[in-house]
């Protein structure tokens, strides 16, 4: 994996998962992003991912992701 890809993943985990920044999703995910693994009924693309992350923040408020390797 390139250093650029590693930096992206670390930033995504830190900003979106750990800080809960839904605004970072628009910056970090492509406009044509498709969210394949979300629950049924979510809007497509980045908007659906924002809803999914909001659900996670409400139910898993103390979750912290850590990249080890």
PDB file of N, CA and C in Angstrom:
ATOM      1  N   UNK A   1       0.851  -1.173   0.000  1.00  0.00           N
ATOM      2  CA  UNK A   1       0.000   0.000   0.000  1.00  0.00           C
ATOM      3  C   UNK A   1       0.895   1.233   0.000  1.00  0.00           C
ATOM      4  N   UNK A   2       0.545   2.212  -0.790  1.00  0.00           N
ATOM      5  CA  UNK A   2       1.342   3.430  -0.878  1.00  0.00           C
ATOM      6  C   UNK A   2       1.215   4.260   0.396  1.00  0.00           C
ATOM      7  N   UNK A   3       2.188   5.116   0.620  1.00  0.00           N
ATOM      8  CA  UNK A   3       2.145   5.998   1.786  1.00  0.00           C
ATOM      9  C   UNK A   3       0.945   6.943   1.700  1.00  0.00           C
ATOM     10  N   UNK A   4       0.583   7.340   0.490  1.00  0.00           N
ATOM     11  CA  UNK A   4      -0.584   8.210   0.294  1.00  0.00           C
ATOM     12  C   UNK A   4      -1.867   7.496   0.728  1.00  0.00           C
ATOM     13  N   UNK A   5      -1.999   6.225   0.360  1.00  0.00           N
ATOM     14  CA  UNK A   5      -3.185   5.454   0.763  1.00  0.00           C
ATOM     15  C   UNK A   5      -3.218   5.243   2.266  1.00  0.00           C
ATOM     16  N   UNK A   6      -2.063   4.967   2.866  1.00  0.00           N
ATOM     17  CA  UNK A   6      -2.002   4.792   4.318  1.00  0.00           C
ATOM     18  C   UNK A   6      -2.431   6.072   5.022  1.00  0.00           C
ATOM     19  N   UNK A   7      -1.946   7.201   4.544  1.00  0.00           N
ATOM     20  CA  UNK A   7      -2.309   8.488   5.153  1.00  0.00           C
ATOM     21  C   UNK A   7      -3.805   8.744   5.023  1.00  0.00           C
ATOM     22  N   UNK A   8      -4.375   8.381   3.879  1.00  0.00           N
ATOM     23  CA  UNK A   8      -5.816   8.557   3.680  1.00  0.00           C
ATOM     24  C   UNK A   8      -6.606   7.727   4.693  1.00  0.00           C
ATOM     25  N   UNK A   9      -6.252   6.469   4.824  1.00  0.00           N
ATOM     26  CA  UNK A   9      -6.971   5.586   5.749  1.00  0.00           C
ATOM     27  C   UNK A   9      -6.857   6.098   7.181  1.00  0.00           C
ATOM     28  N   UNK A  10      -5.663   6.501   7.590  1.00  0.00           N
ATOM     29  CA  UNK A  10      -5.474   7.017   8.945  1.00  0.00           C
ATOM     30  C   UNK A  10      -6.317   8.265   9.173  1.00  0.00           C
ATOM     31  N   UNK A  11      -6.363   9.144   8.171  1.00  0.00           N
ATOM     32  CA  UNK A  11      -7.172  10.361   8.290  1.00  0.00           C
ATOM     33  C   UNK A  11      -8.659  10.026   8.344  1.00  0.00           C
ATOM     34  N   UNK A  12      -9.107   9.106   7.488  1.00  0.00           N
ATOM     35  CA  UNK A  12     -10.511   8.715   7.462  1.00  0.00           C
ATOM     36  C   UNK A  12     -10.937   8.136   8.813  1.00  0.00           C
ATOM     37  N   UNK A  13     -10.145   7.238   9.349  1.00  0.00           N
ATOM     38  CA  UNK A  13     -10.465   6.634  10.645  1.00  0.00           C
ATOM     39  C   UNK A  13     -10.490   7.707  11.735  1.00  0.00           C
ATOM     40  N   UNK A  14      -9.484   8.574  11.744  1.00  0.00           N
ATOM     41  CA  UNK A  14      -9.403   9.605  12.786  1.00  0.00           C
ATOM     42  C   UNK A  14     -10.561  10.589  12.705  1.00  0.00           C
ATOM     43  N   UNK A  15     -10.855  11.092  11.516  1.00  0.00           N
ATOM     44  CA  UNK A  15     -11.860  12.149  11.388  1.00  0.00           C
ATOM     45  C   UNK A  15     -13.292  11.631  11.371  1.00  0.00           C
ATOM     46  N   UNK A  16     -13.536  10.576  10.605  1.00  0.00           N
ATOM     47  CA  UNK A  16     -14.909  10.099  10.434  1.00  0.00           C
ATOM     48  C   UNK A  16     -15.307   9.164  11.577  1.00  0.00           C
ATOM     49  N   UNK A  17     -14.516   8.143  11.827  1.00  0.00           N
ATOM     50  CA  UNK A  17     -14.899   7.159  12.848  1.00  0.00           C
ATOM     51  C   UNK A  17     -14.661   7.669  14.265  1.00  0.00           C
ATOM     52  N   UNK A  18     -13.487   8.242  14.517  1.00  0.00           N
ATOM     53  CA  UNK A  18     -13.160   8.591  15.903  1.00  0.00           C
ATOM     54  C   UNK A  18     -13.682   9.962  16.329  1.00  0.00           C
ATOM     55  N   UNK A  19     -13.636  10.947  15.447  1.00  0.00           N
ATOM     56  CA  UNK A  19     -14.138  12.277  15.799  1.00  0.00           C
ATOM     57  C   UNK A  19     -15.611  12.457  15.444  1.00  0.00           C
ATOM     58  N   UNK A  20     -16.122  11.599  14.566  1.00  0.00           N
ATOM     59  CA  UNK A  20     -17.519  11.692  14.174  1.00  0.00           C
ATOM     60  C   UNK A  20     -17.809  12.838  13.228  1.00  0.00           C
ATOM     61  N   UNK A  21     -16.815  13.270  12.469  1.00  0.00           N
ATOM     62  CA  UNK A  21     -17.000  14.393  11.549  1.00  0.00           C
ATOM     63  C   UNK A  21     -17.718  13.940  10.285  1.00  0.00           C
ATOM     64  N   UNK A  22     -19.012  14.208  10.230  1.00  0.00           N
ATOM     65  CA  UNK A  22     -19.777  13.853   9.042  1.00  0.00           C
ATOM     66  C   UNK A  22     -19.418  14.753   7.864  1.00  0.00           C
ATOM     67  N   UNK A  23     -18.974  15.977   8.140  1.00  0.00           N
ATOM     68  CA  UNK A  23     -18.547  16.878   7.062  1.00  0.00           C
ATOM     69  C   UNK A  23     -17.328  16.334   6.324  1.00  0.00           C
ATOM     70  N   UNK A  24     -16.477  15.590   7.022  1.00  0.00           N
ATOM     71  CA  UNK A  24     -15.277  15.038   6.386  1.00  0.00           C
ATOM     72  C   UNK A  24     -15.633  14.004   5.323  1.00  0.00           C
ATOM     73  N   UNK A  25     -16.808  13.409   5.431  1.00  0.00           N
ATOM     74  CA  UNK A  25     -17.231  12.412   4.442  1.00  0.00           C
ATOM     75  C   UNK A  25     -17.308  13.032   3.055  1.00  0.00           C
ATOM     76  N   UNK A  26     -17.848  14.254   2.954  1.00  0.00           N
ATOM     77  CA  UNK A  26     -17.930  14.919   1.650  1.00  0.00           C
ATOM     78  C   UNK A  26     -16.549  15.190   1.071  1.00  0.00           C
ATOM     79  N   UNK A  27     -15.608  15.481   1.922  1.00  0.00           N
ATOM     80  CA  UNK A  27     -14.254  15.771   1.463  1.00  0.00           C
ATOM     81  C   UNK A  27     -13.486  14.497   1.100  1.00  0.00           C
ATOM     82  N   UNK A  28     -13.701  13.439   1.858  1.00  0.00           N
ATOM     83  CA  UNK A  28     -12.864  12.250   1.709  1.00  0.00           C
ATOM     84  C   UNK A  28     -13.415  11.203   0.746  1.00  0.00           C
ATOM     85  N   UNK A  29     -14.727  11.140   0.587  1.00  0.00           N
ATOM     86  CA  UNK A  29     -15.312  10.153  -0.318  1.00  0.00           C
ATOM     87  C   UNK A  29     -15.681  10.801  -1.645  1.00  0.00           C
ATOM     88  N   UNK A  30     -15.479  10.066  -2.714  1.00  0.00           N
ATOM     89  CA  UNK A  30     -15.756  10.563  -4.065  1.00  0.00           C
ATOM     90  C   UNK A  30     -17.243  10.886  -4.220  1.00  0.00           C
ATOM     91  N   UNK A  31     -17.573  11.861  -5.072  1.00  0.00           N
ATOM     92  CA  UNK A  31     -18.985  12.205  -5.300  1.00  0.00           C
ATOM     93  C   UNK A  31     -19.825  11.014  -5.773  1.00  0.00           C
ATOM     94  N   UNK A  32     -19.194  10.071  -6.489  1.00  0.00           N
ATOM     95  CA  UNK A  32     -19.935   8.911  -6.985  1.00  0.00           C
ATOM     96  C   UNK A  32     -19.755   7.673  -6.096  1.00  0.00           C
ATOM     97  N   UNK A  33     -19.335   7.883  -4.851  1.00  0.00           N
ATOM     98  CA  UNK A  33     -19.167   6.797  -3.881  1.00  0.00           C
ATOM     99  C   UNK A  33     -20.462   6.013  -3.747  1.00  0.00           C
ATOM    100  N   UNK A  34     -20.354   4.687  -3.688  1.00  0.00           N
ATOM    101  CA  UNK A  34     -21.499   3.814  -3.480  1.00  0.00           C
ATOM    102  C   UNK A  34     -21.274   3.022  -2.204  1.00  0.00           C
ATOM    103  N   UNK A  35     -22.220   3.092  -1.288  1.00  0.00           N
ATOM    104  CA  UNK A  35     -22.144   2.390  -0.018  1.00  0.00           C
ATOM    105  C   UNK A  35     -22.890   1.068  -0.154  1.00  0.00           C
ATOM    106  N   UNK A  36     -22.142  -0.029  -0.238  1.00  0.00           N
ATOM    107  CA  UNK A  36     -22.728  -1.342  -0.509  1.00  0.00           C
ATOM    108  C   UNK A  36     -23.142  -2.113   0.736  1.00  0.00           C
ATOM    109  N   UNK A  37     -22.601  -1.771   1.900  1.00  0.00           N
ATOM    110  CA  UNK A  37     -22.820  -2.636   3.054  1.00  0.00           C
ATOM    111  C   UNK A  37     -23.692  -2.016   4.145  1.00  0.00           C
ATOM    112  N   UNK A  38     -24.413  -0.980   3.825  1.00  0.00           N
ATOM    113  CA  UNK A  38     -25.276  -0.350   4.814  1.00  0.00           C
ATOM    114  C   UNK A  38     -26.609  -1.065   4.947  1.00  0.00           C
ATOM    115  N   UNK A  39     -27.350  -0.721   5.989  1.00  0.00           N
ATOM    116  CA  UNK A  39     -28.685  -1.301   6.165  1.00  0.00           C
ATOM    117  C   UNK A  39     -29.623  -0.878   5.028  1.00  0.00           C
ATOM    118  N   UNK A  40     -30.633  -1.684   4.793  1.00  0.00           N
ATOM    119  CA  UNK A  40     -31.627  -1.363   3.760  1.00  0.00           C
ATOM    120  C   UNK A  40     -32.305  -0.041   4.071  1.00  0.00           C
ATOM    121  N   UNK A  41     -32.648   0.683   3.016  1.00  0.00           N
ATOM    122  CA  UNK A  41     -33.418   1.902   3.168  1.00  0.00           C
ATOM    123  C   UNK A  41     -32.610   3.177   3.288  1.00  0.00           C
ATOM    124  N   UNK A  42     -31.281   3.072   3.302  1.00  0.00           N
ATOM    125  CA  UNK A  42     -30.468   4.288   3.376  1.00  0.00           C
ATOM    126  C   UNK A  42     -30.397   4.963   2.017  1.00  0.00           C
ATOM    127  N   UNK A  43     -30.260   6.285   1.990  1.00  0.00           N
ATOM    128  CA  UNK A  43     -30.041   6.956   0.713  1.00  0.00           C
ATOM    129  C   UNK A  43     -28.734   6.470   0.096  1.00  0.00           C
ATOM    130  N   UNK A  44     -28.598   6.569  -1.210  1.00  0.00           N
ATOM    131  CA  UNK A  44     -27.366   6.109  -1.843  1.00  0.00           C
ATOM    132  C   UNK A  44     -26.202   7.063  -1.584  1.00  0.00           C
ATOM    133  N   UNK A  45     -25.020   6.565  -1.780  1.00  0.00           N
ATOM    134  CA  UNK A  45     -23.824   7.396  -1.782  1.00  0.00           C
ATOM    135  C   UNK A  45     -23.420   7.940  -0.423  1.00  0.00           C
ATOM    136  N   UNK A  46     -22.794   9.117  -0.494  1.00  0.00           N
ATOM    137  CA  UNK A  46     -22.258   9.738   0.713  1.00  0.00           C
ATOM    138  C   UNK A  46     -23.343  10.063   1.727  1.00  0.00           C
ATOM    139  N   UNK A  47     -24.529  10.446   1.265  1.00  0.00           N
ATOM    140  CA  UNK A  47     -25.612  10.783   2.197  1.00  0.00           C
ATOM    141  C   UNK A  47     -26.014   9.560   3.021  1.00  0.00           C
ATOM    142  N   UNK A  48     -26.062   8.407   2.389  1.00  0.00           N
ATOM    143  CA  UNK A  48     -26.371   7.187   3.122  1.00  0.00           C
ATOM    144  C   UNK A  48     -25.288   6.830   4.117  1.00  0.00           C
ATOM    145  N   UNK A  49     -24.032   7.075   3.741  1.00  0.00           N
ATOM    146  CA  UNK A  49     -22.934   6.797   4.662  1.00  0.00           C
ATOM    147  C   UNK A  49     -22.990   7.729   5.865  1.00  0.00           C
ATOM    148  N   UNK A  50     -23.400   8.976   5.636  1.00  0.00           N
ATOM    149  CA  UNK A  50     -23.555   9.919   6.754  1.00  0.00           C
ATOM    150  C   UNK A  50     -24.646   9.432   7.720  1.00  0.00           C
ATOM    151  N   UNK A  51     -25.750   8.951   7.185  1.00  0.00           N
ATOM    152  CA  UNK A  51     -26.826   8.423   8.033  1.00  0.00           C
ATOM    153  C   UNK A  51     -26.301   7.230   8.830  1.00  0.00           C
ATOM    154  N   UNK A  52     -25.587   6.339   8.168  1.00  0.00           N
ATOM    155  CA  UNK A  52     -25.011   5.163   8.809  1.00  0.00           C
ATOM    156  C   UNK A  52     -24.062   5.569   9.938  1.00  0.00           C
ATOM    157  N   UNK A  53     -23.188   6.527   9.672  1.00  0.00           N
ATOM    158  CA  UNK A  53     -22.240   6.972  10.694  1.00  0.00           C
ATOM    159  C   UNK A  53     -22.973   7.651  11.851  1.00  0.00           C
ATOM    160  N   UNK A  54     -24.032   8.391  11.563  1.00  0.00           N
ATOM    161  CA  UNK A  54     -24.840   8.992  12.618  1.00  0.00           C
ATOM    162  C   UNK A  54     -25.474   7.937  13.503  1.00  0.00           C
ATOM    163  N   UNK A  55     -25.940   6.851  12.887  1.00  0.00           N
ATOM    164  CA  UNK A  55     -26.503   5.736  13.646  1.00  0.00           C
ATOM    165  C   UNK A  55     -25.436   5.118  14.547  1.00  0.00           C
ATOM    166  N   UNK A  56     -24.239   4.948  14.004  1.00  0.00           N
ATOM    167  CA  UNK A  56     -23.141   4.391  14.798  1.00  0.00           C
ATOM    168  C   UNK A  56     -22.786   5.301  15.966  1.00  0.00           C
ATOM    169  N   UNK A  57     -22.757   6.591  15.728  1.00  0.00           N
ATOM    170  CA  UNK A  57     -22.420   7.538  16.794  1.00  0.00           C
ATOM    171  C   UNK A  57     -23.444   7.483  17.920  1.00  0.00           C
ATOM    172  N   UNK A  58     -24.704   7.276  17.572  1.00  0.00           N
ATOM    173  CA  UNK A  58     -25.758   7.211  18.586  1.00  0.00           C
ATOM    174  C   UNK A  58     -25.720   5.918  19.390  1.00  0.00           C
ATOM    175  N   UNK A  59     -25.371   4.823  18.735  1.00  0.00           N
ATOM    176  CA  UNK A  59     -25.411   3.530  19.428  1.00  0.00           C
ATOM    177  C   UNK A  59     -24.057   3.089  19.970  1.00  0.00           C
ATOM    178  N   UNK A  60     -22.980   3.576  19.371  1.00  0.00           N
ATOM    179  CA  UNK A  60     -21.629   3.172  19.777  1.00  0.00           C
ATOM    180  C   UNK A  60     -20.804   4.403  20.126  1.00  0.00           C
ATOM    181  N   UNK A  61     -21.320   5.238  20.988  1.00  0.00           N
ATOM    182  CA  UNK A  61     -20.707   6.549  21.242  1.00  0.00           C
ATOM    183  C   UNK A  61     -19.291   6.472  21.803  1.00  0.00           C
ATOM    184  N   UNK A  62     -18.935   5.370  22.426  1.00  0.00           N
ATOM    185  CA  UNK A  62     -17.583   5.268  22.980  1.00  0.00           C
ATOM    186  C   UNK A  62     -16.650   4.430  22.101  1.00  0.00           C
ATOM    187  N   UNK A  63     -17.078   4.094  20.897  1.00  0.00           N
ATOM    188  CA  UNK A  63     -16.250   3.323  19.975  1.00  0.00           C
ATOM    189  C   UNK A  63     -15.041   4.133  19.531  1.00  0.00           C
ATOM    190  N   UNK A  64     -13.883   3.534  19.533  1.00  0.00           N
ATOM    191  CA  UNK A  64     -12.676   4.151  18.982  1.00  0.00           C
ATOM    192  C   UNK A  64     -11.981   3.137  18.107  1.00  0.00           C
ATOM    193  N   UNK A  65     -11.787   3.502  16.846  1.00  0.00           N
ATOM    194  CA  UNK A  65     -11.079   2.647  15.897  1.00  0.00           C
ATOM    195  C   UNK A  65      -9.589   2.923  16.022  1.00  0.00           C
ATOM    196  N   UNK A  66      -8.800   1.863  15.874  1.00  0.00           N
ATOM    197  CA  UNK A  66      -7.351   2.008  15.933  1.00  0.00           C
ATOM    198  C   UNK A  66      -6.750   1.184  14.813  1.00  0.00           C
ATOM    199  N   UNK A  67      -5.878   1.789  14.025  1.00  0.00           N
ATOM    200  CA  UNK A  67      -5.182   1.092  12.957  1.00  0.00           C
ATOM    201  C   UNK A  67      -3.849   0.615  13.516  1.00  0.00           C
ATOM    202  N   UNK A  68      -3.639  -0.679  13.508  1.00  0.00           N
ATOM    203  CA  UNK A  68      -2.420  -1.228  14.076  1.00  0.00           C
ATOM    204  C   UNK A  68      -1.404  -1.639  13.031  1.00  0.00           C
ATOM    205  N   UNK A  69      -1.860  -1.926  11.823  1.00  0.00           N
ATOM    206  CA  UNK A  69      -0.911  -2.381  10.792  1.00  0.00           C
ATOM    207  C   UNK A  69      -1.391  -1.945   9.438  1.00  0.00           C
TER     208      UNK A  69
END
